[in-house]
Structures are given as C-alpha cells and as structure tokens.
Amino acid sequence: MISYEPFFKTLEEKGLKLIDVERGCKFSSRTINNISNGKYVNLRTIDRICAFLDVPIEKIVEYRRE
C-alpha cells in the first residue's frame, strides 16, 4: 500500500498547506482530494510534487506492506 504520510510531514516542515501545492503545481481539487484520501495518483503527479517541493520521492510517498 502506498502512503502519503511523508507528504503531509513534508508540508508541515516547509510550512505549506495543500492549497499551496494545488496552486503551485496547477492541480485540480480532485487530485488533491485523492491524495488527501489516500487514493491513487500517477507518478507524473508525484514527480510534479517532488519538483515543486524540491524533495526526493521518499519525502512524498512510502510503501507499506498490508
């Protein structure tokens, strides 16, 4: 299972909110809603978040065995 918990920690560390990522990456509210609810987003979306926040992928997602 993919967890976005590192993403939320990274936002907190950087003093940002989801709306900042939505606007900065020009995402739809649906994309942000999917992340907030732990639903699938594609790797291109993850890549855009990494670039916007200037962090490696480990700061956005982690794999957890179910």
PDB file of N, CA and C in Angstrom:
ATOM      1  N   MET A   1       0.837  -1.174   0.000  1.00  0.00           N
ATOM      2  CA  MET A   1       0.000   0.000   0.000  1.00  0.00           C
ATOM      3  C   MET A   1       0.887   1.244   0.000  1.00  0.00           C
ATOM      4  N   ILE A   2       0.497   2.223  -0.762  1.00  0.00           N
ATOM      5  CA  ILE A   2       1.224   3.484  -0.816  1.00  0.00           C
ATOM      6  C   ILE A   2       0.623   4.445   0.204  1.00  0.00           C
ATOM      7  N   SER A   3       1.491   5.057   1.001  1.00  0.00           N
ATOM      8  CA  SER A   3       1.057   6.029   1.999  1.00  0.00           C
ATOM      9  C   SER A   3       1.606   7.404   1.623  1.00  0.00           C
ATOM     10  N   TYR A   4       0.782   8.414   1.804  1.00  0.00           N
ATOM     11  CA  TYR A   4       1.194   9.799   1.561  1.00  0.00           C
ATOM     12  C   TYR A   4       1.573  10.504   2.861  1.00  0.00           C
ATOM     13  N   GLU A   5       1.716   9.747   3.934  1.00  0.00           N
ATOM     14  CA  GLU A   5       2.069  10.339   5.213  1.00  0.00           C
ATOM     15  C   GLU A   5       3.337  11.199   5.142  1.00  0.00           C
ATOM     16  N   PRO A   6       4.388  10.740   4.431  1.00  0.00           N
ATOM     17  CA  PRO A   6       5.577  11.599   4.327  1.00  0.00           C
ATOM     18  C   PRO A   6       5.281  12.949   3.664  1.00  0.00           C
ATOM     19  N   PHE A   7       4.349  12.963   2.726  1.00  0.00           N
ATOM     20  CA  PHE A   7       3.967  14.203   2.054  1.00  0.00           C
ATOM     21  C   PHE A   7       3.423  15.217   3.053  1.00  0.00           C
ATOM     22  N   PHE A   8       2.534  14.758   3.912  1.00  0.00           N
ATOM     23  CA  PHE A   8       1.935  15.664   4.890  1.00  0.00           C
ATOM     24  C   PHE A   8       2.965  16.150   5.908  1.00  0.00           C
ATOM     25  N   LYS A   9       3.918  15.295   6.276  1.00  0.00           N
ATOM     26  CA  LYS A   9       5.005  15.712   7.164  1.00  0.00           C
ATOM     27  C   LYS A   9       5.890  16.756   6.485  1.00  0.00           C
ATOM     28  N   THR A  10       6.159  16.533   5.207  1.00  0.00           N
ATOM     29  CA  THR A  10       6.983  17.473   4.439  1.00  0.00           C
ATOM     30  C   THR A  10       6.297  18.830   4.342  1.00  0.00           C
ATOM     31  N   LEU A  11       5.007  18.826   4.087  1.00  0.00           N
ATOM     32  CA  LEU A  11       4.270  20.097   4.035  1.00  0.00           C
ATOM     33  C   LEU A  11       4.393  20.835   5.367  1.00  0.00           C
ATOM     34  N   GLU A  12       4.227  20.110   6.449  1.00  0.00           N
ATOM     35  CA  GLU A  12       4.317  20.722   7.772  1.00  0.00           C
ATOM     36  C   GLU A  12       5.712  21.299   8.004  1.00  0.00           C
ATOM     37  N   GLU A  13       6.741  20.537   7.641  1.00  0.00           N
ATOM     38  CA  GLU A  13       8.121  21.000   7.812  1.00  0.00           C
ATOM     39  C   GLU A  13       8.386  22.280   7.034  1.00  0.00           C
ATOM     40  N   LYS A  14       7.781  22.370   5.853  1.00  0.00           N
ATOM     41  CA  LYS A  14       8.010  23.530   4.988  1.00  0.00           C
ATOM     42  C   LYS A  14       7.015  24.662   5.252  1.00  0.00           C
ATOM     43  N   GLY A  15       6.077  24.442   6.172  1.00  0.00           N
ATOM     44  CA  GLY A  15       5.102  25.476   6.491  1.00  0.00           C
ATOM     45  C   GLY A  15       4.111  25.735   5.369  1.00  0.00           C
ATOM     46  N   LEU A  16       3.806  24.684   4.599  1.00  0.00           N
ATOM     47  CA  LEU A  16       2.883  24.811   3.471  1.00  0.00           C
ATOM     48  C   LEU A  16       1.588  24.071   3.740  1.00  0.00           C
ATOM     49  N   LYS A  17       0.593  24.388   2.938  1.00  0.00           N
ATOM     50  CA  LYS A  17      -0.705  23.722   3.010  1.00  0.00           C
ATOM     51  C   LYS A  17      -1.004  23.074   1.666  1.00  0.00           C
ATOM     52  N   LEU A  18      -1.989  22.202   1.659  1.00  0.00           N
ATOM     53  CA  LEU A  18      -2.378  21.524   0.423  1.00  0.00           C
ATOM     54  C   LEU A  18      -2.723  22.516  -0.687  1.00  0.00           C
ATOM     55  N   ILE A  19      -3.359  23.619  -0.328  1.00  0.00           N
ATOM     56  CA  ILE A  19      -3.740  24.612  -1.331  1.00  0.00           C
ATOM     57  C   ILE A  19      -2.509  25.201  -2.015  1.00  0.00           C
ATOM     58  N   ASP A  20      -1.395  25.304  -1.292  1.00  0.00           N
ATOM     59  CA  ASP A  20      -0.156  25.800  -1.883  1.00  0.00           C
ATOM     60  C   ASP A  20       0.339  24.858  -2.972  1.00  0.00           C
ATOM     61  N   VAL A  21       0.252  23.563  -2.708  1.00  0.00           N
ATOM     62  CA  VAL A  21       0.666  22.561  -3.695  1.00  0.00           C
ATOM     63  C   VAL A  21      -0.311  22.561  -4.867  1.00  0.00           C
ATOM     64  N   GLU A  22      -1.584  22.633  -4.572  1.00  0.00           N
ATOM     65  CA  GLU A  22      -2.598  22.653  -5.635  1.00  0.00           C
ATOM     66  C   GLU A  22      -2.344  23.813  -6.589  1.00  0.00           C
ATOM     67  N   ARG A  23      -2.125  24.979  -6.051  1.00  0.00           N
ATOM     68  CA  ARG A  23      -1.886  26.163  -6.884  1.00  0.00           C
ATOM     69  C   ARG A  23      -0.515  26.123  -7.557  1.00  0.00           C
ATOM     70  N   GLY A  24       0.504  25.735  -6.795  1.00  0.00           N
ATOM     71  CA  GLY A  24       1.862  25.715  -7.330  1.00  0.00           C
ATOM     72  C   GLY A  24       2.062  24.703  -8.437  1.00  0.00           C
ATOM     73  N   CYS A  25       1.388  23.563  -8.326  1.00  0.00           N
ATOM     74  CA  CYS A  25       1.508  22.507  -9.340  1.00  0.00           C
ATOM     75  C   CYS A  25       0.383  22.584 -10.374  1.00  0.00           C
ATOM     76  N   LYS A  26      -0.551  23.499 -10.150  1.00  0.00           N
ATOM     77  CA  LYS A  26      -1.710  23.657 -11.039  1.00  0.00           C
ATOM     78  C   LYS A  26      -2.511  22.367 -11.143  1.00  0.00           C
ATOM     79  N   PHE A  27      -2.750  21.763  -9.976  1.00  0.00           N
ATOM     80  CA  PHE A  27      -3.555  20.544  -9.898  1.00  0.00           C
ATOM     81  C   PHE A  27      -5.027  20.911  -9.757  1.00  0.00           C
ATOM     82  N   SER A  28      -5.860  19.974 -10.122  1.00  0.00           N
ATOM     83  CA  SER A  28      -7.287  20.125  -9.853  1.00  0.00           C
ATOM     84  C   SER A  28      -7.530  19.794  -8.387  1.00  0.00           C
ATOM     85  N   SER A  29      -8.661  20.243  -7.890  1.00  0.00           N
ATOM     86  CA  SER A  29      -9.005  19.911  -6.499  1.00  0.00           C
ATOM     87  C   SER A  29      -9.208  18.405  -6.359  1.00  0.00           C
ATOM     88  N   ARG A  30      -9.586  17.741  -7.442  1.00  0.00           N
ATOM     89  CA  ARG A  30      -9.765  16.285  -7.412  1.00  0.00           C
ATOM     90  C   ARG A  30      -8.450  15.572  -7.107  1.00  0.00           C
ATOM     91  N   THR A  31      -7.373  16.022  -7.710  1.00  0.00           N
ATOM     92  CA  THR A  31      -6.062  15.414  -7.461  1.00  0.00           C
ATOM     93  C   THR A  31      -5.679  15.556  -5.998  1.00  0.00           C
ATOM     94  N   ILE A  32      -5.850  16.744  -5.456  1.00  0.00           N
ATOM     95  CA  ILE A  32      -5.527  16.985  -4.053  1.00  0.00           C
ATOM     96  C   ILE A  32      -6.442  16.158  -3.157  1.00  0.00           C
ATOM     97  N   ASN A  33      -7.702  16.051  -3.534  1.00  0.00           N
ATOM     98  CA  ASN A  33      -8.657  15.243  -2.771  1.00  0.00           C
ATOM     99  C   ASN A  33      -8.236  13.774  -2.771  1.00  0.00           C
ATOM    100  N   ASN A  34      -7.770  13.264  -3.912  1.00  0.00           N
ATOM    101  CA  ASN A  34      -7.308  11.878  -3.990  1.00  0.00           C
ATOM    102  C   ASN A  34      -6.132  11.649  -3.044  1.00  0.00           C
ATOM    103  N   ILE A  35      -5.191  12.559  -3.027  1.00  0.00           N
ATOM    104  CA  ILE A  35      -4.045  12.429  -2.131  1.00  0.00           C
ATOM    105  C   ILE A  35      -4.506  12.475  -0.679  1.00  0.00           C
ATOM    106  N   SER A  36      -5.381  13.412  -0.372  1.00  0.00           N
ATOM    107  CA  SER A  36      -5.880  13.560   0.999  1.00  0.00           C
ATOM    108  C   SER A  36      -6.584  12.314   1.500  1.00  0.00           C
ATOM    109  N   ASN A  37      -7.215  11.599   0.580  1.00  0.00           N
ATOM    110  CA  ASN A  37      -7.964  10.397   0.942  1.00  0.00           C
ATOM    111  C   ASN A  37      -7.191   9.107   0.690  1.00  0.00           C
ATOM    112  N   GLY A  38      -5.892   9.223   0.408  1.00  0.00           N
ATOM    113  CA  GLY A  38      -5.052   8.049   0.224  1.00  0.00           C
ATOM    114  C   GLY A  38      -5.346   7.260  -1.031  1.00  0.00           C
ATOM    115  N   LYS A  39      -5.925   7.928  -2.025  1.00  0.00           N
ATOM    116  CA  LYS A  39      -6.249   7.250  -3.277  1.00  0.00           C
ATOM    117  C   LYS A  39      -5.096   7.376  -4.263  1.00  0.00           C
ATOM    118  N   TYR A  40      -5.199   6.617  -5.342  1.00  0.00           N
ATOM    119  CA  TYR A  40      -4.160   6.571  -6.368  1.00  0.00           C
ATOM    120  C   TYR A  40      -3.982   7.912  -7.073  1.00  0.00           C
ATOM    121  N   VAL A  41      -2.735   8.290  -7.249  1.00  0.00           N
ATOM    122  CA  VAL A  41      -2.359   9.346  -8.189  1.00  0.00           C
ATOM    123  C   VAL A  41      -1.177   8.807  -8.981  1.00  0.00           C
ATOM    124  N   ASN A  42      -1.032   9.235 -10.215  1.00  0.00           N
ATOM    125  CA  ASN A  42       0.015   8.665 -11.053  1.00  0.00           C
ATOM    126  C   ASN A  42       1.395   9.238 -10.709  1.00  0.00           C
ATOM    127  N   LEU A  43       2.404   8.593 -11.241  1.00  0.00           N
ATOM    128  CA  LEU A  43       3.779   9.002 -10.940  1.00  0.00           C
ATOM    129  C   LEU A  43       4.114  10.378 -11.474  1.00  0.00           C
ATOM    130  N   ARG A  44       3.498  10.783 -12.544  1.00  0.00           N
ATOM    131  CA  ARG A  44       3.733  12.129 -13.081  1.00  0.00           C
ATOM    132  C   ARG A  44       3.297  13.174 -12.037  1.00  0.00           C
ATOM    133  N   THR A  45       2.195  12.899 -11.357  1.00  0.00           N
ATOM    134  CA  THR A  45       1.724  13.794 -10.302  1.00  0.00           C
ATOM    135  C   THR A  45       2.737  13.841  -9.164  1.00  0.00           C
ATOM    136  N   ILE A  46       3.214  12.688  -8.747  1.00  0.00           N
ATOM    137  CA  ILE A  46       4.228  12.622  -7.688  1.00  0.00           C
ATOM    138  C   ILE A  46       5.483  13.380  -8.116  1.00  0.00           C
ATOM    139  N   ASP A  47       5.874  13.207  -9.360  1.00  0.00           N
ATOM    140  CA  ASP A  47       7.051  13.895  -9.897  1.00  0.00           C
ATOM    141  C   ASP A  47       6.882  15.416  -9.814  1.00  0.00           C
ATOM    142  N   ARG A  48       5.715  15.903 -10.163  1.00  0.00           N
ATOM    143  CA  ARG A  48       5.451  17.344 -10.114  1.00  0.00           C
ATOM    144  C   ARG A  48       5.503  17.861  -8.675  1.00  0.00           C
ATOM    145  N   ILE A  49       5.000  17.072  -7.743  1.00  0.00           N
ATOM    146  CA  ILE A  49       5.064  17.466  -6.330  1.00  0.00           C
ATOM    147  C   ILE A  49       6.514  17.512  -5.859  1.00  0.00           C
ATOM    148  N   CYS A  50       7.281  16.491  -6.217  1.00  0.00           N
ATOM    149  CA  CYS A  50       8.705  16.457  -5.834  1.00  0.00           C
ATOM    150  C   CYS A  50       9.435  17.690  -6.365  1.00  0.00           C
ATOM    151  N   ALA A  51       9.180  18.026  -7.621  1.00  0.00           N
ATOM    152  CA  ALA A  51       9.840  19.189  -8.231  1.00  0.00           C
ATOM    153  C   ALA A  51       9.404  20.478  -7.537  1.00  0.00           C
ATOM    154  N   PHE A  52       8.116  20.618  -7.286  1.00  0.00           N
ATOM    155  CA  PHE A  52       7.604  21.832  -6.638  1.00  0.00           C
ATOM    156  C   PHE A  52       8.189  22.010  -5.245  1.00  0.00           C
ATOM    157  N   LEU A  53       8.232  20.929  -4.477  1.00  0.00           N
ATOM    158  CA  LEU A  53       8.743  20.997  -3.104  1.00  0.00           C
ATOM    159  C   LEU A  53      10.256  20.838  -3.031  1.00  0.00           C
ATOM    160  N   ASP A  54      10.882  20.463  -4.155  1.00  0.00           N
ATOM    161  CA  ASP A  54      12.325  20.237  -4.232  1.00  0.00           C
ATOM    162  C   ASP A  54      12.772  19.192  -3.206  1.00  0.00           C
ATOM    163  N   VAL A  55      12.096  18.035  -3.275  1.00  0.00           N
ATOM    164  CA  VAL A  55      12.400  16.936  -2.357  1.00  0.00           C
ATOM    165  C   VAL A  55      12.445  15.617  -3.135  1.00  0.00           C
ATOM    166  N   PRO A  56      13.128  14.600  -2.579  1.00  0.00           N
ATOM    167  CA  PRO A  56      13.096  13.277  -3.207  1.00  0.00           C
ATOM    168  C   PRO A  56      11.755  12.596  -2.968  1.00  0.00           C
ATOM    169  N   ILE A  57      11.485  11.570  -3.727  1.00  0.00           N
ATOM    170  CA  ILE A  57      10.204  10.870  -3.661  1.00  0.00           C
ATOM    171  C   ILE A  57       9.906  10.315  -2.268  1.00  0.00           C
ATOM    172  N   GLU A  58      10.942   9.964  -1.514  1.00  0.00           N
ATOM    173  CA  GLU A  58      10.743   9.419  -0.164  1.00  0.00           C
ATOM    174  C   GLU A  58      10.076  10.422   0.769  1.00  0.00           C
ATOM    175  N   LYS A  59      10.140  11.695   0.428  1.00  0.00           N
ATOM    176  CA  LYS A  59       9.509  12.729   1.240  1.00  0.00           C
ATOM    177  C   LYS A  59       8.044  12.931   0.855  1.00  0.00           C
ATOM    178  N   ILE A  60       7.577  12.148  -0.134  1.00  0.00           N
ATOM    179  CA  ILE A  60       6.195  12.273  -0.613  1.00  0.00           C
ATOM    180  C   ILE A  60       5.402  10.986  -0.378  1.00  0.00           C
ATOM    181  N   VAL A  61       5.990   9.853  -0.694  1.00  0.00           N
ATOM    182  CA  VAL A  61       5.286   8.575  -0.543  1.00  0.00           C
ATOM    183  C   VAL A  61       6.179   7.544   0.128  1.00  0.00           C
ATOM    184  N   GLU A  62       5.530   6.527   0.703  1.00  0.00           N
ATOM    185  CA  GLU A  62       6.255   5.385   1.206  1.00  0.00           C
ATOM    186  C   GLU A  62       5.405   4.139   0.962  1.00  0.00           C
ATOM    187  N   TYR A  63       6.079   3.027   0.828  1.00  0.00           N
ATOM    188  CA  TYR A  63       5.387   1.758   0.625  1.00  0.00           C
ATOM    189  C   TYR A  63       5.241   1.066   1.982  1.00  0.00           C
ATOM    190  N   ARG A  64       4.029   0.604   2.248  1.00  0.00           N
ATOM    191  CA  ARG A  64       3.754  -0.154   3.473  1.00  0.00           C
ATOM    192  C   ARG A  64       3.131  -1.476   3.098  1.00  0.00           C
ATOM    193  N   ARG A  65       3.663  -2.537   3.653  1.00  0.00           N
ATOM    194  CA  ARG A  65       3.056  -3.853   3.425  1.00  0.00           C
ATOM    195  C   ARG A  65       1.722  -3.906   4.164  1.00  0.00           C
ATOM    196  N   GLU A  66       0.762  -4.504   3.535  1.00  0.00           N
ATOM    197  CA  GLU A  66      -0.562  -4.613   4.166  1.00  0.00           C
ATOM    198  C   GLU A  66      -0.638  -5.833   5.029  1.00  0.00           C
TER     199      GLU A  66
END
